[in-house]
Amino acid sequence: MADEKLRYSDADLQEFKELIQGKIDKAEYDLVLIKESFINDQNNGTDDTSPTFKAFEEGAETLSKEQNSILAGRQEKFVRDLKHALIRIQNKTYGICRVTGKLIPKDRLRAVPHATLSIEAKNMQR
C-alpha cells in the first residue's frame, strides 16, 4: 500500500511518551514500595511462642522475601523496557515491529506501551 504509514506522527509519539512516562513514574513508585517491604524486617513477636510456629513463620518469611525479590526483578525489567520505549520515541522508531517492520496498532501500544513486536510477529514465534 502506498498510503501505509512508516512511522507514527510526532503528535502520536508525544501521546505515547506521556503515557509511558506516567507508567514509569507509577512503576518506579511501586518498585520503591516492593523494595521497602523486602528490606523491612518486622518482628512479629514470636520469640516466646512455640518452636513449631516460629519455624512455620520463618519459612513463610523466606518465601515472602523470595516472592518480593522476584517481583522487584520483574518491576525493574518493566521500568527498563519502558525507558527503552522512550528512547525509541526519541529516535522516532517507536511502534515499529522489529520483525515485520510494520506499525504496531495503537491499541496494542496503549495496552503494552513497551511492545516491540506486533501480534503477527508474536504469533510467528510460537
PDB file of N, CA and C in Angstrom:
ATOM      1  N   MET A   1       0.838  -1.204   0.000  1.00  0.00           N
ATOM      2  CA  MET A   1       0.000   0.000   0.000  1.00  0.00           C
ATOM      3  C   MET A   1       0.868   1.247   0.000  1.00  0.00           C
ATOM      4  N   ALA A   2       0.553   2.172  -0.833  1.00  0.00           N
ATOM      5  CA  ALA A   2       1.329   3.395  -0.921  1.00  0.00           C
ATOM      6  C   ALA A   2       1.033   4.326   0.243  1.00  0.00           C
ATOM      7  N   ASP A   3      -0.181   4.249   0.800  1.00  0.00           N
ATOM      8  CA  ASP A   3      -0.544   5.175   1.869  1.00  0.00           C
ATOM      9  C   ASP A   3      -0.274   4.610   3.268  1.00  0.00           C
ATOM     10  N   GLU A   4       0.349   3.438   3.344  1.00  0.00           N
ATOM     11  CA  GLU A   4       0.660   2.843   4.639  1.00  0.00           C
ATOM     12  C   GLU A   4       1.773   3.647   5.309  1.00  0.00           C
ATOM     13  N   LYS A   5       1.520   4.033   6.564  1.00  0.00           N
ATOM     14  CA  LYS A   5       2.481   4.867   7.279  1.00  0.00           C
ATOM     15  C   LYS A   5       3.710   4.043   7.668  1.00  0.00           C
ATOM     16  N   LEU A   6       4.863   4.699   7.631  1.00  0.00           N
ATOM     17  CA  LEU A   6       6.114   4.047   8.005  1.00  0.00           C
ATOM     18  C   LEU A   6       6.435   4.253   9.483  1.00  0.00           C
ATOM     19  N   ARG A   7       5.902   5.332  10.065  1.00  0.00           N
ATOM     20  CA  ARG A   7       6.128   5.606  11.483  1.00  0.00           C
ATOM     21  C   ARG A   7       4.974   6.446  12.009  1.00  0.00           C
ATOM     22  N   TYR A   8       4.891   6.524  13.344  1.00  0.00           N
ATOM     23  CA  TYR A   8       3.849   7.346  13.949  1.00  0.00           C
ATOM     24  C   TYR A   8       4.234   8.821  13.867  1.00  0.00           C
ATOM     25  N   SER A   9       3.218   9.678  13.820  1.00  0.00           N
ATOM     26  CA  SER A   9       3.443  11.121  13.739  1.00  0.00           C
ATOM     27  C   SER A   9       4.051  11.631  15.044  1.00  0.00           C
ATOM     28  N   ASP A  10       4.610  12.812  15.005  1.00  0.00           N
ATOM     29  CA  ASP A  10       5.177  13.414  16.215  1.00  0.00           C
ATOM     30  C   ASP A  10       4.113  13.579  17.294  1.00  0.00           C
ATOM     31  N   ALA A  11       2.882  13.903  16.883  1.00  0.00           N
ATOM     32  CA  ALA A  11       1.787  14.044  17.856  1.00  0.00           C
ATOM     33  C   ALA A  11       1.479  12.695  18.510  1.00  0.00           C
ATOM     34  N   ASP A  12       1.449  11.646  17.703  1.00  0.00           N
ATOM     35  CA  ASP A  12       1.233  10.297  18.249  1.00  0.00           C
ATOM     36  C   ASP A  12       2.357   9.923  19.209  1.00  0.00           C
ATOM     37  N   LEU A  13       3.593  10.205  18.805  1.00  0.00           N
ATOM     38  CA  LEU A  13       4.736   9.876  19.644  1.00  0.00           C
ATOM     39  C   LEU A  13       4.683  10.630  20.970  1.00  0.00           C
ATOM     40  N   GLN A  14       4.240  11.884  20.923  1.00  0.00           N
ATOM     41  CA  GLN A  14       4.118  12.668  22.154  1.00  0.00           C
ATOM     42  C   GLN A  14       3.060  12.050  23.072  1.00  0.00           C
ATOM     43  N   GLU A  15       1.965  11.594  22.497  1.00  0.00           N
ATOM     44  CA  GLU A  15       0.918  10.937  23.291  1.00  0.00           C
ATOM     45  C   GLU A  15       1.475   9.687  23.977  1.00  0.00           C
ATOM     46  N   PHE A  16       2.212   8.880  23.226  1.00  0.00           N
ATOM     47  CA  PHE A  16       2.799   7.668  23.803  1.00  0.00           C
ATOM     48  C   PHE A  16       3.864   8.011  24.845  1.00  0.00           C
ATOM     49  N   LYS A  17       4.608   9.076  24.590  1.00  0.00           N
ATOM     50  CA  LYS A  17       5.643   9.492  25.549  1.00  0.00           C
ATOM     51  C   LYS A  17       5.011   9.825  26.898  1.00  0.00           C
ATOM     52  N   GLU A  18       3.911  10.561  26.865  1.00  0.00           N
ATOM     53  CA  GLU A  18       3.220  10.929  28.110  1.00  0.00           C
ATOM     54  C   GLU A  18       2.660   9.684  28.809  1.00  0.00           C
ATOM     55  N   LEU A  19       2.092   8.778  28.035  1.00  0.00           N
ATOM     56  CA  LEU A  19       1.564   7.535  28.594  1.00  0.00           C
ATOM     57  C   LEU A  19       2.677   6.729  29.263  1.00  0.00           C
ATOM     58  N   ILE A  20       3.787   6.599  28.565  1.00  0.00           N
ATOM     59  CA  ILE A  20       4.907   5.810  29.072  1.00  0.00           C
ATOM     60  C   ILE A  20       5.521   6.468  30.300  1.00  0.00           C
ATOM     61  N   GLN A  21       5.678   7.779  30.264  1.00  0.00           N
ATOM     62  CA  GLN A  21       6.265   8.467  31.420  1.00  0.00           C
ATOM     63  C   GLN A  21       5.394   8.284  32.656  1.00  0.00           C
ATOM     64  N   GLY A  22       4.089   8.320  32.480  1.00  0.00           N
ATOM     65  CA  GLY A  22       3.180   8.069  33.598  1.00  0.00           C
ATOM     66  C   GLY A  22       3.342   6.654  34.139  1.00  0.00           C
ATOM     67  N   LYS A  23       3.502   5.694  33.235  1.00  0.00           N
ATOM     68  CA  LYS A  23       3.697   4.303  33.659  1.00  0.00           C
ATOM     69  C   LYS A  23       5.049   4.123  34.362  1.00  0.00           C
ATOM     70  N   ILE A  24       6.073   4.820  33.883  1.00  0.00           N
ATOM     71  CA  ILE A  24       7.385   4.749  34.537  1.00  0.00           C
ATOM     72  C   ILE A  24       7.291   5.299  35.952  1.00  0.00           C
ATOM     73  N   ASP A  25       6.645   6.452  36.098  1.00  0.00           N
ATOM     74  CA  ASP A  25       6.514   7.066  37.423  1.00  0.00           C
ATOM     75  C   ASP A  25       5.820   6.113  38.397  1.00  0.00           C
ATOM     76  N   LYS A  26       4.734   5.504  37.951  1.00  0.00           N
ATOM     77  CA  LYS A  26       3.995   4.578  38.817  1.00  0.00           C
ATOM     78  C   LYS A  26       4.816   3.324  39.101  1.00  0.00           C
ATOM     79  N   ALA A  27       5.464   2.794  38.079  1.00  0.00           N
ATOM     80  CA  ALA A  27       6.258   1.573  38.247  1.00  0.00           C
ATOM     81  C   ALA A  27       7.443   1.804  39.185  1.00  0.00           C
ATOM     82  N   GLU A  28       8.080   2.967  39.081  1.00  0.00           N
ATOM     83  CA  GLU A  28       9.200   3.267  39.979  1.00  0.00           C
ATOM     84  C   GLU A  28       8.710   3.428  41.418  1.00  0.00           C
ATOM     85  N   TYR A  29       7.549   4.044  41.592  1.00  0.00           N
ATOM     86  CA  TYR A  29       6.957   4.176  42.926  1.00  0.00           C
ATOM     87  C   TYR A  29       6.650   2.788  43.497  1.00  0.00           C
ATOM     88  N   ASP A  30       6.046   1.935  42.677  1.00  0.00           N
ATOM     89  CA  ASP A  30       5.735   0.568  43.111  1.00  0.00           C
ATOM     90  C   ASP A  30       7.010  -0.196  43.459  1.00  0.00           C
ATOM     91  N   LEU A  31       8.061   0.020  42.686  1.00  0.00           N
ATOM     92  CA  LEU A  31       9.331  -0.654  42.944  1.00  0.00           C
ATOM     93  C   LEU A  31       9.901  -0.240  44.298  1.00  0.00           C
ATOM     94  N   VAL A  32       9.797   1.025  44.615  1.00  0.00           N
ATOM     95  CA  VAL A  32      10.253   1.501  45.925  1.00  0.00           C
ATOM     96  C   VAL A  32       9.477   0.798  47.032  1.00  0.00           C
ATOM     97  N   LEU A  33       8.163   0.685  46.872  1.00  0.00           N
ATOM     98  CA  LEU A  33       7.342   0.002  47.883  1.00  0.00           C
ATOM     99  C   LEU A  33       7.747  -1.463  48.032  1.00  0.00           C
ATOM    100  N   ILE A  34       7.997  -2.117  46.909  1.00  0.00           N
ATOM    101  CA  ILE A  34       8.407  -3.531  46.944  1.00  0.00           C
ATOM    102  C   ILE A  34       9.734  -3.668  47.682  1.00  0.00           C
ATOM    103  N   LYS A  35      10.682  -2.798  47.336  1.00  0.00           N
ATOM    104  CA  LYS A  35      11.995  -2.875  47.975  1.00  0.00           C
ATOM    105  C   LYS A  35      11.913  -2.554  49.464  1.00  0.00           C
ATOM    106  N   GLU A  36      11.067  -1.593  49.821  1.00  0.00           N
ATOM    107  CA  GLU A  36      10.909  -1.260  51.235  1.00  0.00           C
ATOM    108  C   GLU A  36      10.324  -2.442  52.001  1.00  0.00           C
ATOM    109  N   SER A  37       9.359  -3.122  51.422  1.00  0.00           N
ATOM    110  CA  SER A  37       8.764  -4.266  52.115  1.00  0.00           C
ATOM    111  C   SER A  37       9.760  -5.424  52.184  1.00  0.00           C
ATOM    112  N   PHE A  38      10.652  -5.499  51.209  1.00  0.00           N
ATOM    113  CA  PHE A  38      11.689  -6.531  51.210  1.00  0.00           C
ATOM    114  C   PHE A  38      12.716  -6.251  52.314  1.00  0.00           C
ATOM    115  N   ILE A  39      13.088  -4.988  52.449  1.00  0.00           N
ATOM    116  CA  ILE A  39      14.096  -4.592  53.432  1.00  0.00           C
ATOM    117  C   ILE A  39      13.521  -4.584  54.844  1.00  0.00           C
ATOM    118  N   ASN A  40      12.255  -4.234  54.958  1.00  0.00           N
ATOM    119  CA  ASN A  40      11.616  -4.121  56.264  1.00  0.00           C
ATOM    120  C   ASN A  40      11.523  -5.495  56.915  1.00  0.00           C
ATOM    121  N   ASP A  41      12.289  -5.681  57.947  1.00  0.00           N
ATOM    122  CA  ASP A  41      12.319  -6.967  58.643  1.00  0.00           C
ATOM    123  C   ASP A  41      11.566  -6.803  59.952  1.00  0.00           C
ATOM    124  N   GLN A  42      10.256  -6.929  59.873  1.00  0.00           N
ATOM    125  CA  GLN A  42       9.437  -6.737  61.061  1.00  0.00           C
ATOM    126  C   GLN A  42       9.444  -7.995  61.907  1.00  0.00           C
ATOM    127  N   ASN A  43       9.561  -7.794  63.199  1.00  0.00           N
ATOM    128  CA  ASN A  43       9.485  -8.907  64.136  1.00  0.00           C
ATOM    129  C   ASN A  43       8.068  -8.957  64.661  1.00  0.00           C
ATOM    130  N   ASN A  44       7.392 -10.062  64.450  1.00  0.00           N
ATOM    131  CA  ASN A  44       6.001 -10.187  64.869  1.00  0.00           C
ATOM    132  C   ASN A  44       5.870 -10.738  66.277  1.00  0.00           C
ATOM    133  N   GLY A  45       6.963 -10.714  67.021  1.00  0.00           N
ATOM    134  CA  GLY A  45       6.896 -11.109  68.420  1.00  0.00           C
ATOM    135  C   GLY A  45       6.679 -12.592  68.629  1.00  0.00           C
ATOM    136  N   THR A  46       7.337 -13.426  67.855  1.00  0.00           N
ATOM    137  CA  THR A  46       7.150 -14.873  68.011  1.00  0.00           C
ATOM    138  C   THR A  46       8.272 -15.498  68.826  1.00  0.00           C
ATOM    139  N   ASP A  47       9.128 -14.674  69.424  1.00  0.00           N
ATOM    140  CA  ASP A  47      10.263 -15.210  70.181  1.00  0.00           C
ATOM    141  C   ASP A  47       9.822 -16.098  71.331  1.00  0.00           C
ATOM    142  N   ASP A  48       8.666 -15.803  71.910  1.00  0.00           N
ATOM    143  CA  ASP A  48       8.235 -16.556  73.075  1.00  0.00           C
ATOM    144  C   ASP A  48       7.156 -17.587  72.743  1.00  0.00           C
ATOM    145  N   THR A  49       6.946 -17.870  71.472  1.00  0.00           N
ATOM    146  CA  THR A  49       5.933 -18.856  71.098  1.00  0.00           C
ATOM    147  C   THR A  49       6.596 -20.180  70.786  1.00  0.00           C
ATOM    148  N   SER A  50       5.810 -21.152  70.475  1.00  0.00           N
ATOM    149  CA  SER A  50       6.339 -22.497  70.271  1.00  0.00           C
ATOM    150  C   SER A  50       7.306 -22.545  69.094  1.00  0.00           C
ATOM    151  N   PRO A  51       8.327 -23.407  69.173  1.00  0.00           N
ATOM    152  CA  PRO A  51       9.313 -23.528  68.086  1.00  0.00           C
ATOM    153  C   PRO A  51       8.685 -23.921  66.748  1.00  0.00           C
ATOM    154  N   THR A  52       7.627 -24.721  66.774  1.00  0.00           N
ATOM    155  CA  THR A  52       6.974 -25.138  65.532  1.00  0.00           C
ATOM    156  C   THR A  52       6.375 -23.941  64.810  1.00  0.00           C
ATOM    157  N   PHE A  53       5.677 -23.090  65.554  1.00  0.00           N
ATOM    158  CA  PHE A  53       5.072 -21.904  64.950  1.00  0.00           C
ATOM    159  C   PHE A  53       6.162 -20.997  64.387  1.00  0.00           C
ATOM    160  N   LYS A  54       7.237 -20.841  65.152  1.00  0.00           N
ATOM    161  CA  LYS A  54       8.345 -19.988  64.703  1.00  0.00           C
ATOM    162  C   LYS A  54       8.946 -20.533  63.404  1.00  0.00           C
ATOM    163  N   ALA A  55       9.089 -21.842  63.288  1.00  0.00           N
ATOM    164  CA  ALA A  55       9.635 -22.437  62.064  1.00  0.00           C
ATOM    165  C   ALA A  55       8.719 -22.182  60.881  1.00  0.00           C
ATOM    166  N   PHE A  56       7.406 -22.310  61.092  1.00  0.00           N
ATOM    167  CA  PHE A  56       6.456 -22.022  60.015  1.00  0.00           C
ATOM    168  C   PHE A  56       6.551 -20.562  59.595  1.00  0.00           C
ATOM    169  N   GLU A  57       6.638 -19.688  60.566  1.00  0.00           N
ATOM    170  CA  GLU A  57       6.689 -18.262  60.255  1.00  0.00           C
ATOM    171  C   GLU A  57       7.966 -17.910  59.506  1.00  0.00           C
ATOM    172  N   GLU A  58       9.090 -18.489  59.924  1.00  0.00           N
ATOM    173  CA  GLU A  58      10.348 -18.206  59.237  1.00  0.00           C
ATOM    174  C   GLU A  58      10.309 -18.726  57.806  1.00  0.00           C
ATOM    175  N   GLY A  59       9.673 -19.875  57.607  1.00  0.00           N
ATOM    176  CA  GLY A  59       9.525 -20.408  56.251  1.00  0.00           C
ATOM    177  C   GLY A  59       8.677 -19.501  55.396  1.00  0.00           C
ATOM    178  N   ALA A  60       7.594 -18.999  55.965  1.00  0.00           N
ATOM    179  CA  ALA A  60       6.725 -18.081  55.227  1.00  0.00           C
ATOM    180  C   ALA A  60       7.452 -16.774  54.933  1.00  0.00           C
ATOM    181  N   GLU A  61       8.269 -16.328  55.892  1.00  0.00           N
ATOM    182  CA  GLU A  61       9.018 -15.083  55.700  1.00  0.00           C
ATOM    183  C   GLU A  61      10.033 -15.241  54.569  1.00  0.00           C
ATOM    184  N   THR A  62      10.699 -16.398  54.524  1.00  0.00           N
ATOM    185  CA  THR A  62      11.662 -16.661  53.450  1.00  0.00           C
ATOM    186  C   THR A  62      10.961 -16.690  52.102  1.00  0.00           C
ATOM    187  N   LEU A  63       9.811 -17.355  52.038  1.00  0.00           N
ATOM    188  CA  LEU A  63       9.036 -17.405  50.805  1.00  0.00           C
ATOM    189  C   LEU A  63       8.613 -16.008  50.387  1.00  0.00           C
ATOM    190  N   SER A  64       8.163 -15.218  51.347  1.00  0.00           N
ATOM    191  CA  SER A  64       7.728 -13.857  51.045  1.00  0.00           C
ATOM    192  C   SER A  64       8.891 -13.025  50.507  1.00  0.00           C
ATOM    193  N   LYS A  65      10.074 -13.182  51.096  1.00  0.00           N
ATOM    194  CA  LYS A  65      11.239 -12.439  50.615  1.00  0.00           C
ATOM    195  C   LYS A  65      11.605 -12.873  49.200  1.00  0.00           C
ATOM    196  N   GLU A  66      11.511 -14.174  48.925  1.00  0.00           N
ATOM    197  CA  GLU A  66      11.796 -14.659  47.576  1.00  0.00           C
ATOM    198  C   GLU A  66      10.792 -14.092  46.579  1.00  0.00           C
ATOM    199  N   GLN A  67       9.516 -14.075  46.965  1.00  0.00           N
ATOM    200  CA  GLN A  67       8.486 -13.530  46.080  1.00  0.00           C
ATOM    201  C   GLN A  67       8.719 -12.044  45.849  1.00  0.00           C
ATOM    202  N   ASN A  68       9.074 -11.309  46.905  1.00  0.00           N
ATOM    203  CA  ASN A  68       9.359  -9.883  46.748  1.00  0.00           C
ATOM    204  C   ASN A  68      10.555  -9.655  45.848  1.00  0.00           C
ATOM    205  N   SER A  69      11.554 -10.513  45.974  1.00  0.00           N
ATOM    206  CA  SER A  69      12.741 -10.384  45.139  1.00  0.00           C
ATOM    207  C   SER A  69      12.389 -10.617  43.671  1.00  0.00           C
ATOM    208  N   ILE A  70      11.593 -11.630  43.403  1.00  0.00           N
ATOM    209  CA  ILE A  70      11.148 -11.911  42.031  1.00  0.00           C
ATOM    210  C   ILE A  70      10.307 -10.748  41.497  1.00  0.00           C
ATOM    211  N   LEU A  71       9.401 -10.266  42.336  1.00  0.00           N
ATOM    212  CA  LEU A  71       8.544  -9.149  41.947  1.00  0.00           C
ATOM    213  C   LEU A  71       9.377  -7.899  41.663  1.00  0.00           C
ATOM    214  N   ALA A  72      10.374  -7.638  42.506  1.00  0.00           N
ATOM    215  CA  ALA A  72      11.243  -6.474  42.298  1.00  0.00           C
ATOM    216  C   ALA A  72      12.005  -6.610  40.977  1.00  0.00           C
ATOM    217  N   GLY A  73      12.490  -7.804  40.683  1.00  0.00           N
ATOM    218  CA  GLY A  73      13.204  -8.026  39.427  1.00  0.00           C
ATOM    219  C   GLY A  73      12.322  -7.784  38.216  1.00  0.00           C
ATOM    220  N   ARG A  74      11.102  -8.268  38.296  1.00  0.00           N
ATOM    221  CA  ARG A  74      10.155  -8.045  37.184  1.00  0.00           C
ATOM    222  C   ARG A  74       9.848  -6.558  37.028  1.00  0.00           C
ATOM    223  N   GLN A  75       9.683  -5.877  38.160  1.00  0.00           N
ATOM    224  CA  GLN A  75       9.354  -4.453  38.112  1.00  0.00           C
ATOM    225  C   GLN A  75      10.523  -3.657  37.536  1.00  0.00           C
ATOM    226  N   GLU A  76      11.756  -4.024  37.904  1.00  0.00           N
ATOM    227  CA  GLU A  76      12.933  -3.351  37.348  1.00  0.00           C
ATOM    228  C   GLU A  76      13.014  -3.555  35.841  1.00  0.00           C
ATOM    229  N   LYS A  77      12.720  -4.766  35.375  1.00  0.00           N
ATOM    230  CA  LYS A  77      12.726  -5.040  33.934  1.00  0.00           C
ATOM    231  C   LYS A  77      11.644  -4.223  33.231  1.00  0.00           C
ATOM    232  N   PHE A  78      10.467  -4.109  33.850  1.00  0.00           N
ATOM    233  CA  PHE A  78       9.369  -3.331  33.277  1.00  0.00           C
ATOM    234  C   PHE A  78       9.792  -1.865  33.119  1.00  0.00           C
ATOM    235  N   VAL A  79      10.406  -1.299  34.159  1.00  0.00           N
ATOM    236  CA  VAL A  79      10.869   0.099  34.098  1.00  0.00           C
ATOM    237  C   VAL A  79      11.915   0.238  32.997  1.00  0.00           C
ATOM    238  N   ARG A  80      12.839  -0.699  32.929  1.00  0.00           N
ATOM    239  CA  ARG A  80      13.890  -0.650  31.905  1.00  0.00           C
ATOM    240  C   ARG A  80      13.283  -0.713  30.498  1.00  0.00           C
ATOM    241  N   ASP A  81      12.309  -1.609  30.299  1.00  0.00           N
ATOM    242  CA  ASP A  81      11.654  -1.727  28.992  1.00  0.00           C
ATOM    243  C   ASP A  81      10.917  -0.445  28.620  1.00  0.00           C
ATOM    244  N   LEU A  82      10.276   0.173  29.605  1.00  0.00           N
ATOM    245  CA  LEU A  82       9.572   1.435  29.349  1.00  0.00           C
ATOM    246  C   LEU A  82      10.560   2.547  28.984  1.00  0.00           C
ATOM    247  N   LYS A  83      11.701   2.572  29.656  1.00  0.00           N
ATOM    248  CA  LYS A  83      12.710   3.598  29.335  1.00  0.00           C
ATOM    249  C   LYS A  83      13.292   3.370  27.945  1.00  0.00           C
ATOM    250  N   HIS A  84      13.432   2.112  27.561  1.00  0.00           N
ATOM    251  CA  HIS A  84      13.882   1.820  26.190  1.00  0.00           C
ATOM    252  C   HIS A  84      12.843   2.300  25.168  1.00  0.00           C
ATOM    253  N   ALA A  85      11.567   2.194  25.537  1.00  0.00           N
ATOM    254  CA  ALA A  85      10.499   2.689  24.649  1.00  0.00           C
ATOM    255  C   ALA A  85      10.633   4.207  24.472  1.00  0.00           C
ATOM    256  N   LEU A  86      10.992   4.916  25.538  1.00  0.00           N
ATOM    257  CA  LEU A  86      11.198   6.370  25.421  1.00  0.00           C
ATOM    258  C   LEU A  86      12.344   6.682  24.465  1.00  0.00           C
ATOM    259  N   ILE A  87      13.372   5.870  24.483  1.00  0.00           N
ATOM    260  CA  ILE A  87      14.498   6.061  23.553  1.00  0.00           C
ATOM    261  C   ILE A  87      14.021   5.849  22.117  1.00  0.00           C
ATOM    262  N   ARG A  88      13.179   4.829  21.905  1.00  0.00           N
ATOM    263  CA  ARG A  88      12.647   4.595  20.557  1.00  0.00           C
ATOM    264  C   ARG A  88      11.771   5.770  20.104  1.00  0.00           C
ATOM    265  N   ILE A  89      11.048   6.367  21.052  1.00  0.00           N
ATOM    266  CA  ILE A  89      10.250   7.550  20.701  1.00  0.00           C
ATOM    267  C   ILE A  89      11.180   8.666  20.250  1.00  0.00           C
ATOM    268  N   GLN A  90      12.241   8.882  21.009  1.00  0.00           N
ATOM    269  CA  GLN A  90      13.208   9.928  20.668  1.00  0.00           C
ATOM    270  C   GLN A  90      13.833   9.665  19.291  1.00  0.00           C
ATOM    271  N   ASN A  91      14.086   8.401  18.991  1.00  0.00           N
ATOM    272  CA  ASN A  91      14.666   8.029  17.694  1.00  0.00           C
ATOM    273  C   ASN A  91      13.627   7.934  16.583  1.00  0.00           C
ATOM    274  N   LYS A  92      12.360   8.096  16.948  1.00  0.00           N
ATOM    275  CA  LYS A  92      11.222   8.012  16.017  1.00  0.00           C
ATOM    276  C   LYS A  92      11.082   6.623  15.399  1.00  0.00           C
ATOM    277  N   THR A  93      11.490   5.611  16.164  1.00  0.00           N
ATOM    278  CA  THR A  93      11.316   4.223  15.726  1.00  0.00           C
ATOM    279  C   THR A  93      10.284   3.511  16.586  1.00  0.00           C
ATOM    280  N   TYR A  94       9.652   4.242  17.488  1.00  0.00           N
ATOM    281  CA  TYR A  94       8.669   3.649  18.395  1.00  0.00           C
ATOM    282  C   TYR A  94       7.455   3.145  17.623  1.00  0.00           C
ATOM    283  N   GLY A  95       6.999   1.968  18.006  1.00  0.00           N
ATOM    284  CA  GLY A  95       5.780   1.428  17.415  1.00  0.00           C
ATOM    285  C   GLY A  95       5.996   0.661  16.126  1.00  0.00           C
ATOM    286  N   ILE A  96       7.250   0.489  15.740  1.00  0.00           N
ATOM    287  CA  ILE A  96       7.557  -0.268  14.532  1.00  0.00           C
ATOM    288  C   ILE A  96       7.979  -1.672  14.968  1.00  0.00           C
ATOM    289  N   CYS A  97       7.300  -2.668  14.453  1.00  0.00           N
ATOM    290  CA  CYS A  97       7.606  -4.056  14.799  1.00  0.00           C
ATOM    291  C   CYS A  97       9.024  -4.389  14.342  1.00  0.00           C
ATOM    292  N   ARG A  98       9.804  -4.948  15.251  1.00  0.00           N
ATOM    293  CA  ARG A  98      11.198  -5.253  14.914  1.00  0.00           C
ATOM    294  C   ARG A  98      11.344  -6.485  14.025  1.00  0.00           C
ATOM    295  N   VAL A  99      10.254  -7.215  13.793  1.00  0.00           N
ATOM    296  CA  VAL A  99      10.306  -8.383  12.903  1.00  0.00           C
ATOM    297  C   VAL A  99       9.707  -8.053  11.542  1.00  0.00           C
ATOM    298  N   THR A 100       8.494  -7.505  11.543  1.00  0.00           N
ATOM    299  CA  THR A 100       7.798  -7.260  10.280  1.00  0.00           C
ATOM    300  C   THR A 100       8.102  -5.883   9.687  1.00  0.00           C
ATOM    301  N   GLY A 101       8.530  -4.940  10.535  1.00  0.00           N
ATOM    302  CA  GLY A 101       8.776  -3.577  10.065  1.00  0.00           C
ATOM    303  C   GLY A 101       7.508  -2.757   9.907  1.00  0.00           C
ATOM    304  N   LYS A 102       6.368  -3.355  10.243  1.00  0.00           N
ATOM    305  CA  LYS A 102       5.081  -2.653  10.141  1.00  0.00           C
ATOM    306  C   LYS A 102       4.770  -1.951  11.460  1.00  0.00           C
ATOM    307  N   LEU A 103       3.855  -0.987  11.383  1.00  0.00           N
ATOM    308  CA  LEU A 103       3.440  -0.292  12.604  1.00  0.00           C
ATOM    309  C   LEU A 103       2.618  -1.226  13.489  1.00  0.00           C
ATOM    310  N   ILE A 104       2.948  -1.213  14.761  1.00  0.00           N
ATOM    311  CA  ILE A 104       2.162  -1.943  15.755  1.00  0.00           C
ATOM    312  C   ILE A 104       0.909  -1.120  15.999  1.00  0.00           C
ATOM    313  N   PRO A 105      -0.273  -1.726  16.001  1.00  0.00           N
ATOM    314  CA  PRO A 105      -1.512  -0.956  16.208  1.00  0.00           C
ATOM    315  C   PRO A 105      -1.495  -0.163  17.522  1.00  0.00           C
ATOM    316  N   LYS A 106      -2.109   1.005  17.454  1.00  0.00           N
ATOM    317  CA  LYS A 106      -2.144   1.890  18.628  1.00  0.00           C
ATOM    318  C   LYS A 106      -2.773   1.214  19.838  1.00  0.00           C
ATOM    319  N   ASP A 107      -3.819   0.431  19.615  1.00  0.00           N
ATOM    320  CA  ASP A 107      -4.478  -0.239  20.742  1.00  0.00           C
ATOM    321  C   ASP A 107      -3.505  -1.164  21.474  1.00  0.00           C
ATOM    322  N   ARG A 108      -2.681  -1.864  20.722  1.00  0.00           N
ATOM    323  CA  ARG A 108      -1.686  -2.746  21.349  1.00  0.00           C
ATOM    324  C   ARG A 108      -0.670  -1.916  22.133  1.00  0.00           C
ATOM    325  N   LEU A 109      -0.224  -0.813  21.565  1.00  0.00           N
ATOM    326  CA  LEU A 109       0.765   0.025  22.241  1.00  0.00           C
ATOM    327  C   LEU A 109       0.187   0.693  23.488  1.00  0.00           C
ATOM    328  N   ARG A 110      -1.086   0.997  23.457  1.00  0.00           N
ATOM    329  CA  ARG A 110      -1.711   1.576  24.655  1.00  0.00           C
ATOM    330  C   ARG A 110      -1.797   0.526  25.768  1.00  0.00           C
ATOM    331  N   ALA A 111      -2.020  -0.724  25.379  1.00  0.00           N
ATOM    332  CA  ALA A 111      -2.108  -1.809  26.364  1.00  0.00           C
ATOM    333  C   ALA A 111      -0.720  -2.250  26.827  1.00  0.00           C
ATOM    334  N   VAL A 112       0.219  -2.319  25.885  1.00  0.00           N
ATOM    335  CA  VAL A 112       1.591  -2.761  26.185  1.00  0.00           C
ATOM    336  C   VAL A 112       2.534  -1.731  25.552  1.00  0.00           C
ATOM    337  N   PRO A 113       2.737  -0.597  26.215  1.00  0.00           N
ATOM    338  CA  PRO A 113       3.479   0.500  25.586  1.00  0.00           C
ATOM    339  C   PRO A 113       4.952   0.210  25.290  1.00  0.00           C
ATOM    340  N   HIS A 114       5.492  -0.839  25.872  1.00  0.00           N
ATOM    341  CA  HIS A 114       6.890  -1.187  25.606  1.00  0.00           C
ATOM    342  C   HIS A 114       7.018  -2.294  24.546  1.00  0.00           C
ATOM    343  N   ALA A 115       5.912  -2.623  23.888  1.00  0.00           N
ATOM    344  CA  ALA A 115       5.918  -3.692  22.878  1.00  0.00           C
ATOM    345  C   ALA A 115       6.853  -3.348  21.727  1.00  0.00           C
ATOM    346  N   THR A 116       7.566  -4.362  21.268  1.00  0.00           N
ATOM    347  CA  THR A 116       8.430  -4.198  20.091  1.00  0.00           C
ATOM    348  C   THR A 116       8.019  -5.151  18.978  1.00  0.00           C
ATOM    349  N   LEU A 117       6.992  -5.968  19.252  1.00  0.00           N
ATOM    350  CA  LEU A 117       6.509  -6.922  18.260  1.00  0.00           C
ATOM    351  C   LEU A 117       5.014  -6.747  18.041  1.00  0.00           C
ATOM    352  N   SER A 118       4.599  -6.875  16.812  1.00  0.00           N
ATOM    353  CA  SER A 118       3.172  -6.892  16.502  1.00  0.00           C
ATOM    354  C   SER A 118       2.617  -8.255  16.907  1.00  0.00           C
ATOM    355  N   ILE A 119       1.307  -8.360  16.953  1.00  0.00           N
ATOM    356  CA  ILE A 119       0.675  -9.652  17.258  1.00  0.00           C
ATOM    357  C   ILE A 119       1.078 -10.674  16.190  1.00  0.00           C
ATOM    358  N   GLU A 120       1.137 -10.229  14.951  1.00  0.00           N
ATOM    359  CA  GLU A 120       1.553 -11.105  13.839  1.00  0.00           C
ATOM    360  C   GLU A 120       2.931 -11.705  14.113  1.00  0.00           C
ATOM    361  N   ALA A 121       3.880 -10.861  14.531  1.00  0.00           N
ATOM    362  CA  ALA A 121       5.230 -11.349  14.820  1.00  0.00           C
ATOM    363  C   ALA A 121       5.262 -12.243  16.051  1.00  0.00           C
ATOM    364  N   LYS A 122       4.468 -11.918  17.066  1.00  0.00           N
ATOM    365  CA  LYS A 122       4.391 -12.751  18.274  1.00  0.00           C
ATOM    366  C   LYS A 122       3.868 -14.133  17.907  1.00  0.00           C
ATOM    367  N   ASN A 123       2.863 -14.185  17.033  1.00  0.00           N
ATOM    368  CA  ASN A 123       2.290 -15.474  16.615  1.00  0.00           C
ATOM    369  C   ASN A 123       3.298 -16.297  15.812  1.00  0.00           C
ATOM    370  N   MET A 124       4.180 -15.650  15.078  1.00  0.00           N
ATOM    371  CA  MET A 124       5.199 -16.364  14.308  1.00  0.00           C
ATOM    372  C   MET A 124       6.227 -17.021  15.235  1.00  0.00           C
ATOM    373  N   GLN A 125       6.381 -16.499  16.454  1.00  0.00           N
ATOM    374  CA  GLN A 125       7.351 -17.046  17.406  1.00  0.00           C
ATOM    375  C   GLN A 125       6.880 -18.364  18.023  1.00  0.00           C
ATOM    376  N   ARG A 126       5.618 -18.639  17.987  1.00  0.00           N
ATOM    377  CA  ARG A 126       5.067 -19.831  18.654  1.00  0.00           C
ATOM    378  C   ARG A 126       5.415 -21.096  17.967  1.00  0.00           C
TER     379      ARG A 126
END
